[in-house]
Amino acid sequence: MNADRPAGGASSVLKARDEMTCQVRDVLNRVGDKWTLGVVNELGAGPRRFNELRRAMPGISQRMLTSTLRGLERDGLVTRSVYAEVPPRVDYELTALGRTLLERVWPLIDWAVEHHDDLEDARGRYDARHPSP
């Protein structure tokens, strides 16, 4: 047996790589959907009530915001706190794990804001060269 190769040979290396790829894809599917980063970014300023989030995110439906918040709560990125008041108050807040995500995506959000016009210009040039049928 070659000491440089892990036990199980190439198949175990490929299996480990495939498992890691699936794990990465799973996480990227969560954070890369249409609304997650916007919700996480809004919650970065502190706890928010549902309607505050909805007003801060034009275009998101009540159903989609509910679904996004549930997914984030399930993944441990957001906590939901219910307060026994009249009317009942529900706050959403980033967890410590959610804050680590926000720290990582802020540079991406900054990049998107900084380069949005560049992307639009590039799309316009491309579309002028490649008109759709």
N, C-alpha and C. Protein backbone atom coordinates (compact mmCIF):
# COMPACT_ATOMS: atom_id res chain seq x y z
N MET A 1 0.84 -1.19 0.00
CA MET A 1 0.00 0.00 0.00
C MET A 1 0.88 1.24 0.00
N ASN A 2 0.50 2.23 -0.77
CA ASN A 2 1.24 3.46 -0.88
C ASN A 2 0.91 4.36 0.31
N ALA A 3 1.90 4.85 1.03
CA ALA A 3 1.70 5.66 2.22
C ALA A 3 1.13 7.04 1.89
N ASP A 4 1.27 7.50 0.63
CA ASP A 4 0.77 8.80 0.23
C ASP A 4 -0.73 8.80 -0.04
N ARG A 5 -1.32 7.62 -0.19
CA ARG A 5 -2.74 7.51 -0.51
C ARG A 5 -3.54 7.20 0.74
N PRO A 6 -4.69 7.83 0.87
CA PRO A 6 -5.54 7.49 2.01
C PRO A 6 -6.10 6.09 1.84
N ALA A 7 -6.45 5.45 2.96
CA ALA A 7 -7.06 4.12 2.90
C ALA A 7 -8.33 4.21 2.08
N GLY A 8 -8.54 3.22 1.23
CA GLY A 8 -9.72 3.24 0.38
C GLY A 8 -9.44 3.79 -1.00
N GLY A 9 -8.29 4.38 -1.18
CA GLY A 9 -7.87 4.85 -2.50
C GLY A 9 -8.71 6.00 -3.03
N ALA A 10 -8.74 6.04 -4.36
CA ALA A 10 -9.39 7.14 -5.06
C ALA A 10 -10.88 7.23 -4.76
N SER A 11 -11.52 6.09 -4.57
CA SER A 11 -12.97 6.13 -4.34
C SER A 11 -13.30 6.85 -3.04
N SER A 12 -12.50 6.68 -2.00
CA SER A 12 -12.79 7.38 -0.74
C SER A 12 -12.50 8.87 -0.87
N VAL A 13 -11.50 9.23 -1.63
CA VAL A 13 -11.20 10.65 -1.87
C VAL A 13 -12.34 11.29 -2.64
N LEU A 14 -12.82 10.61 -3.67
CA LEU A 14 -13.92 11.14 -4.47
C LEU A 14 -15.21 11.24 -3.65
N LYS A 15 -15.45 10.24 -2.80
CA LYS A 15 -16.64 10.27 -1.97
C LYS A 15 -16.58 11.44 -0.99
N ALA A 16 -15.43 11.66 -0.38
CA ALA A 16 -15.27 12.78 0.55
C ALA A 16 -15.46 14.11 -0.17
N ARG A 17 -14.91 14.21 -1.37
CA ARG A 17 -15.06 15.45 -2.15
C ARG A 17 -16.52 15.67 -2.52
N ASP A 18 -17.21 14.61 -2.93
CA ASP A 18 -18.62 14.74 -3.30
C ASP A 18 -19.48 15.13 -2.10
N GLU A 19 -19.18 14.57 -0.92
CA GLU A 19 -19.93 14.93 0.28
C GLU A 19 -19.71 16.40 0.64
N MET A 20 -18.46 16.86 0.51
CA MET A 20 -18.16 18.26 0.80
C MET A 20 -18.87 19.17 -0.21
N THR A 21 -18.87 18.78 -1.47
CA THR A 21 -19.54 19.56 -2.50
C THR A 21 -21.03 19.67 -2.20
N CYS A 22 -21.64 18.57 -1.76
CA CYS A 22 -23.06 18.60 -1.41
C CYS A 22 -23.31 19.51 -0.22
N GLN A 23 -22.42 19.48 0.76
CA GLN A 23 -22.58 20.34 1.93
C GLN A 23 -22.49 21.80 1.54
N VAL A 24 -21.53 22.12 0.71
CA VAL A 24 -21.36 23.52 0.26
C VAL A 24 -22.59 23.94 -0.55
N ARG A 25 -23.04 23.08 -1.45
CA ARG A 25 -24.20 23.40 -2.27
C ARG A 25 -25.43 23.63 -1.39
N ASP A 26 -25.59 22.81 -0.35
CA ASP A 26 -26.71 22.95 0.57
C ASP A 26 -26.71 24.33 1.23
N VAL A 27 -25.55 24.76 1.70
CA VAL A 27 -25.45 26.07 2.36
C VAL A 27 -25.66 27.19 1.34
N LEU A 28 -25.05 27.07 0.18
CA LEU A 28 -25.20 28.12 -0.83
C LEU A 28 -26.63 28.22 -1.33
N ASN A 29 -27.34 27.10 -1.40
CA ASN A 29 -28.75 27.15 -1.77
C ASN A 29 -29.55 27.94 -0.74
N ARG A 30 -29.21 27.81 0.52
CA ARG A 30 -29.91 28.56 1.58
C ARG A 30 -29.63 30.05 1.45
N VAL A 31 -28.38 30.43 1.35
CA VAL A 31 -28.05 31.86 1.38
C VAL A 31 -28.13 32.51 0.01
N GLY A 32 -28.20 31.71 -1.03
CA GLY A 32 -28.19 32.28 -2.37
C GLY A 32 -29.56 32.44 -3.00
N ASP A 33 -30.62 32.20 -2.24
CA ASP A 33 -31.94 32.39 -2.84
C ASP A 33 -32.23 33.88 -2.97
N LYS A 34 -33.36 34.20 -3.50
CA LYS A 34 -33.67 35.60 -3.84
C LYS A 34 -33.75 36.52 -2.63
N TRP A 35 -34.21 36.02 -1.46
CA TRP A 35 -34.53 36.91 -0.36
C TRP A 35 -33.66 36.77 0.88
N THR A 36 -32.97 35.67 1.04
CA THR A 36 -32.26 35.41 2.30
C THR A 36 -31.27 36.50 2.66
N LEU A 37 -30.41 36.89 1.74
CA LEU A 37 -29.39 37.89 2.09
C LEU A 37 -30.02 39.23 2.44
N GLY A 38 -31.13 39.57 1.80
CA GLY A 38 -31.82 40.81 2.15
C GLY A 38 -32.37 40.76 3.56
N VAL A 39 -32.96 39.63 3.94
CA VAL A 39 -33.49 39.48 5.29
C VAL A 39 -32.35 39.53 6.30
N VAL A 40 -31.29 38.79 6.03
CA VAL A 40 -30.13 38.76 6.94
C VAL A 40 -29.54 40.16 7.07
N ASN A 41 -29.43 40.87 5.97
CA ASN A 41 -28.90 42.23 6.00
C ASN A 41 -29.80 43.14 6.85
N GLU A 42 -31.10 43.06 6.67
CA GLU A 42 -32.03 43.89 7.46
C GLU A 42 -31.92 43.56 8.94
N LEU A 43 -31.80 42.28 9.27
CA LEU A 43 -31.70 41.89 10.67
C LEU A 43 -30.34 42.24 11.27
N GLY A 44 -29.38 42.57 10.42
CA GLY A 44 -28.08 42.99 10.90
C GLY A 44 -28.14 44.28 11.71
N ALA A 45 -29.20 45.08 11.50
CA ALA A 45 -29.37 46.33 12.24
C ALA A 45 -30.04 46.09 13.59
N GLY A 46 -30.45 44.87 13.85
CA GLY A 46 -31.09 44.56 15.13
C GLY A 46 -32.41 43.85 14.93
N PRO A 47 -33.06 43.49 16.04
CA PRO A 47 -34.33 42.77 15.96
C PRO A 47 -35.37 43.56 15.17
N ARG A 48 -36.19 42.83 14.43
CA ARG A 48 -37.24 43.45 13.63
C ARG A 48 -38.53 42.65 13.78
N ARG A 49 -39.62 43.36 13.70
CA ARG A 49 -40.91 42.71 13.63
C ARG A 49 -41.17 42.35 12.17
N PHE A 50 -42.09 41.42 11.98
CA PHE A 50 -42.39 40.91 10.64
C PHE A 50 -42.72 42.05 9.68
N ASN A 51 -43.65 42.92 10.07
CA ASN A 51 -44.07 43.99 9.16
C ASN A 51 -42.96 45.01 8.90
N GLU A 52 -42.07 45.20 9.85
CA GLU A 52 -40.92 46.08 9.61
C GLU A 52 -40.04 45.48 8.51
N LEU A 53 -39.82 44.18 8.60
CA LEU A 53 -39.03 43.51 7.55
C LEU A 53 -39.73 43.61 6.21
N ARG A 54 -41.01 43.38 6.20
CA ARG A 54 -41.75 43.40 4.94
C ARG A 54 -41.70 44.78 4.29
N ARG A 55 -41.85 45.83 5.10
CA ARG A 55 -41.79 47.20 4.56
C ARG A 55 -40.38 47.53 4.05
N ALA A 56 -39.37 46.97 4.69
CA ALA A 56 -37.98 47.27 4.32
C ALA A 56 -37.56 46.52 3.06
N MET A 57 -38.37 45.56 2.61
CA MET A 57 -38.01 44.73 1.47
C MET A 57 -39.10 44.77 0.40
N PRO A 58 -39.12 45.83 -0.39
CA PRO A 58 -40.16 45.94 -1.42
C PRO A 58 -40.13 44.72 -2.36
N GLY A 59 -41.31 44.23 -2.65
CA GLY A 59 -41.41 43.12 -3.60
C GLY A 59 -41.56 41.76 -2.95
N ILE A 60 -41.22 41.63 -1.67
CA ILE A 60 -41.36 40.33 -1.03
C ILE A 60 -42.80 40.17 -0.55
N SER A 61 -43.37 39.01 -0.83
CA SER A 61 -44.73 38.75 -0.37
C SER A 61 -44.72 38.28 1.08
N GLN A 62 -45.86 38.35 1.71
CA GLN A 62 -45.98 37.88 3.09
C GLN A 62 -45.62 36.40 3.16
N ARG A 63 -46.10 35.64 2.21
CA ARG A 63 -45.82 34.20 2.18
C ARG A 63 -44.32 33.92 2.03
N MET A 64 -43.66 34.65 1.13
CA MET A 64 -42.23 34.43 0.91
C MET A 64 -41.40 34.86 2.11
N LEU A 65 -41.77 35.96 2.74
CA LEU A 65 -41.05 36.39 3.93
C LEU A 65 -41.22 35.36 5.05
N THR A 66 -42.43 34.87 5.22
CA THR A 66 -42.67 33.83 6.22
C THR A 66 -41.83 32.61 5.95
N SER A 67 -41.80 32.17 4.72
CA SER A 67 -41.02 30.99 4.33
C SER A 67 -39.53 31.21 4.55
N THR A 68 -39.04 32.38 4.17
CA THR A 68 -37.62 32.70 4.33
C THR A 68 -37.24 32.73 5.80
N LEU A 69 -38.06 33.38 6.62
CA LEU A 69 -37.78 33.44 8.05
C LEU A 69 -37.81 32.06 8.70
N ARG A 70 -38.75 31.22 8.30
CA ARG A 70 -38.81 29.86 8.84
C ARG A 70 -37.56 29.07 8.47
N GLY A 71 -37.13 29.21 7.23
CA GLY A 71 -35.91 28.51 6.80
C GLY A 71 -34.69 28.98 7.56
N LEU A 72 -34.58 30.29 7.76
CA LEU A 72 -33.46 30.84 8.51
C LEU A 72 -33.50 30.41 9.98
N GLU A 73 -34.70 30.34 10.53
CA GLU A 73 -34.84 29.88 11.91
C GLU A 73 -34.47 28.40 12.01
N ARG A 74 -34.92 27.62 11.06
CA ARG A 74 -34.60 26.18 11.04
C ARG A 74 -33.09 25.95 10.95
N ASP A 75 -32.41 26.78 10.18
CA ASP A 75 -30.96 26.65 10.00
C ASP A 75 -30.16 27.26 11.14
N GLY A 76 -30.84 27.85 12.12
CA GLY A 76 -30.14 28.41 13.27
C GLY A 76 -29.54 29.78 13.02
N LEU A 77 -30.00 30.46 11.97
CA LEU A 77 -29.46 31.78 11.64
C LEU A 77 -30.29 32.92 12.23
N VAL A 78 -31.54 32.62 12.56
CA VAL A 78 -32.47 33.61 13.08
C VAL A 78 -33.23 33.01 14.26
N THR A 79 -33.51 33.84 15.26
CA THR A 79 -34.39 33.42 16.34
C THR A 79 -35.70 34.19 16.23
N ARG A 80 -36.75 33.55 16.67
CA ARG A 80 -38.09 34.14 16.68
C ARG A 80 -38.52 34.20 18.13
N SER A 81 -38.80 35.41 18.61
CA SER A 81 -39.21 35.59 20.00
C SER A 81 -40.64 36.12 20.03
N VAL A 82 -41.50 35.44 20.80
CA VAL A 82 -42.89 35.84 20.93
C VAL A 82 -43.07 36.44 22.32
N TYR A 83 -43.67 37.63 22.38
CA TYR A 83 -43.89 38.33 23.64
C TYR A 83 -45.38 38.38 23.93
N ALA A 84 -45.74 38.04 25.15
CA ALA A 84 -47.15 38.02 25.57
C ALA A 84 -47.64 39.44 25.84
N GLU A 85 -47.95 40.13 24.78
CA GLU A 85 -48.49 41.48 24.86
C GLU A 85 -49.79 41.50 24.09
N VAL A 86 -50.51 42.58 24.21
CA VAL A 86 -51.72 42.76 23.41
C VAL A 86 -51.52 43.98 22.54
N PRO A 87 -51.46 43.83 21.22
CA PRO A 87 -51.46 42.55 20.51
C PRO A 87 -50.12 41.83 20.69
N PRO A 88 -50.09 40.52 20.44
CA PRO A 88 -48.83 39.77 20.60
C PRO A 88 -47.73 40.35 19.72
N ARG A 89 -46.54 40.38 20.25
CA ARG A 89 -45.39 40.90 19.50
C ARG A 89 -44.44 39.75 19.19
N VAL A 90 -43.98 39.70 17.94
CA VAL A 90 -43.02 38.69 17.51
C VAL A 90 -41.83 39.42 16.90
N ASP A 91 -40.65 39.15 17.41
CA ASP A 91 -39.42 39.74 16.89
C ASP A 91 -38.55 38.66 16.27
N TYR A 92 -37.85 39.04 15.23
CA TYR A 92 -36.87 38.18 14.59
C TYR A 92 -35.51 38.82 14.77
N GLU A 93 -34.51 38.00 15.04
CA GLU A 93 -33.16 38.51 15.30
C GLU A 93 -32.14 37.50 14.81
N LEU A 94 -31.00 38.01 14.34
CA LEU A 94 -29.91 37.12 13.95
C LEU A 94 -29.33 36.43 15.18
N THR A 95 -28.99 35.17 15.04
CA THR A 95 -28.25 34.46 16.07
C THR A 95 -26.77 34.78 15.90
N ALA A 96 -25.95 34.26 16.79
CA ALA A 96 -24.50 34.44 16.64
C ALA A 96 -24.04 33.84 15.31
N LEU A 97 -24.60 32.69 14.95
CA LEU A 97 -24.25 32.08 13.66
C LEU A 97 -24.70 32.96 12.50
N GLY A 98 -25.88 33.53 12.62
CA GLY A 98 -26.38 34.43 11.58
C GLY A 98 -25.50 35.66 11.42
N ARG A 99 -24.98 36.17 12.54
CA ARG A 99 -24.08 37.33 12.46
C ARG A 99 -22.77 36.97 11.75
N THR A 100 -22.29 35.73 11.94
CA THR A 100 -21.07 35.34 11.21
C THR A 100 -21.34 35.29 9.71
N LEU A 101 -22.54 34.87 9.33
CA LEU A 101 -22.90 34.89 7.91
C LEU A 101 -22.91 36.32 7.39
N LEU A 102 -23.53 37.21 8.15
CA LEU A 102 -23.61 38.60 7.71
C LEU A 102 -22.22 39.21 7.55
N GLU A 103 -21.32 38.91 8.46
CA GLU A 103 -19.95 39.43 8.35
C GLU A 103 -19.30 38.97 7.04
N ARG A 104 -19.64 37.76 6.61
CA ARG A 104 -19.04 37.23 5.38
C ARG A 104 -19.69 37.81 4.13
N VAL A 105 -20.99 38.12 4.20
CA VAL A 105 -21.67 38.58 2.98
C VAL A 105 -21.67 40.09 2.81
N TRP A 106 -21.37 40.85 3.87
CA TRP A 106 -21.30 42.30 3.69
C TRP A 106 -20.36 42.71 2.56
N PRO A 107 -19.17 42.12 2.46
CA PRO A 107 -18.33 42.50 1.31
C PRO A 107 -18.99 42.19 -0.04
N LEU A 108 -19.74 41.11 -0.11
CA LEU A 108 -20.45 40.79 -1.36
C LEU A 108 -21.56 41.81 -1.63
N ILE A 109 -22.28 42.20 -0.59
CA ILE A 109 -23.33 43.22 -0.74
C ILE A 109 -22.69 44.54 -1.19
N ASP A 110 -21.58 44.92 -0.56
CA ASP A 110 -20.87 46.15 -0.97
C ASP A 110 -20.43 46.07 -2.42
N TRP A 111 -19.90 44.89 -2.82
CA TRP A 111 -19.46 44.71 -4.20
C TRP A 111 -20.63 44.87 -5.16
N ALA A 112 -21.78 44.28 -4.80
CA ALA A 112 -22.96 44.36 -5.67
C ALA A 112 -23.41 45.80 -5.84
N VAL A 113 -23.43 46.56 -4.76
CA VAL A 113 -23.84 47.97 -4.85
C VAL A 113 -22.83 48.75 -5.70
N GLU A 114 -21.55 48.52 -5.45
CA GLU A 114 -20.50 49.24 -6.17
C GLU A 114 -20.49 48.94 -7.66
N HIS A 115 -20.81 47.69 -8.04
CA HIS A 115 -20.65 47.29 -9.44
C HIS A 115 -21.95 47.04 -10.19
N HIS A 116 -23.08 47.38 -9.59
CA HIS A 116 -24.35 47.15 -10.26
C HIS A 116 -24.42 47.85 -11.61
N ASP A 117 -24.04 49.11 -11.65
CA ASP A 117 -24.06 49.85 -12.92
C ASP A 117 -23.12 49.24 -13.95
N ASP A 118 -21.96 48.75 -13.51
CA ASP A 118 -21.02 48.09 -14.42
C ASP A 118 -21.66 46.84 -15.05
N LEU A 119 -22.37 46.07 -14.22
CA LEU A 119 -23.03 44.87 -14.73
C LEU A 119 -24.13 45.24 -15.72
N GLU A 120 -24.90 46.26 -15.39
CA GLU A 120 -25.95 46.70 -16.30
C GLU A 120 -25.37 47.16 -17.64
N ASP A 121 -24.26 47.90 -17.59
CA ASP A 121 -23.60 48.35 -18.82
C ASP A 121 -23.12 47.15 -19.64
N ALA A 122 -22.52 46.18 -18.98
CA ALA A 122 -22.03 44.98 -19.67
C ALA A 122 -23.19 44.21 -20.29
N ARG A 123 -24.30 44.11 -19.59
CA ARG A 123 -25.47 43.41 -20.13
C ARG A 123 -26.00 44.14 -21.36
N GLY A 124 -26.03 45.46 -21.28
CA GLY A 124 -26.49 46.24 -22.43
C GLY A 124 -25.61 46.03 -23.65
N ARG A 125 -24.29 46.03 -23.44
CA ARG A 125 -23.37 45.78 -24.56
C ARG A 125 -23.56 44.38 -25.14
N TYR A 126 -23.70 43.40 -24.26
CA TYR A 126 -23.89 42.01 -24.70
C TYR A 126 -25.20 41.89 -25.49
N ASP A 127 -26.27 42.45 -24.92
CA ASP A 127 -27.58 42.35 -25.58
C ASP A 127 -27.59 43.05 -26.93
N ALA A 128 -26.81 44.12 -27.07
CA ALA A 128 -26.73 44.82 -28.36
C ALA A 128 -26.05 43.94 -29.40
N ARG A 129 -25.08 43.15 -28.97
CA ARG A 129 -24.37 42.24 -29.89
C ARG A 129 -25.12 40.95 -30.15
N HIS A 130 -25.98 40.55 -29.20
CA HIS A 130 -26.67 39.28 -29.27
C HIS A 130 -28.18 39.48 -29.04
N PRO A 131 -28.85 40.10 -29.99
CA PRO A 131 -30.28 40.35 -29.79
C PRO A 131 -31.05 39.04 -29.62
N SER A 132 -32.03 39.04 -28.73
CA SER A 132 -32.84 37.84 -28.54
C SER A 132 -33.85 37.72 -29.66
N PRO A 133 -34.23 36.50 -29.99
CA PRO A 133 -35.14 36.29 -31.13
C PRO A 133 -36.52 36.83 -30.89
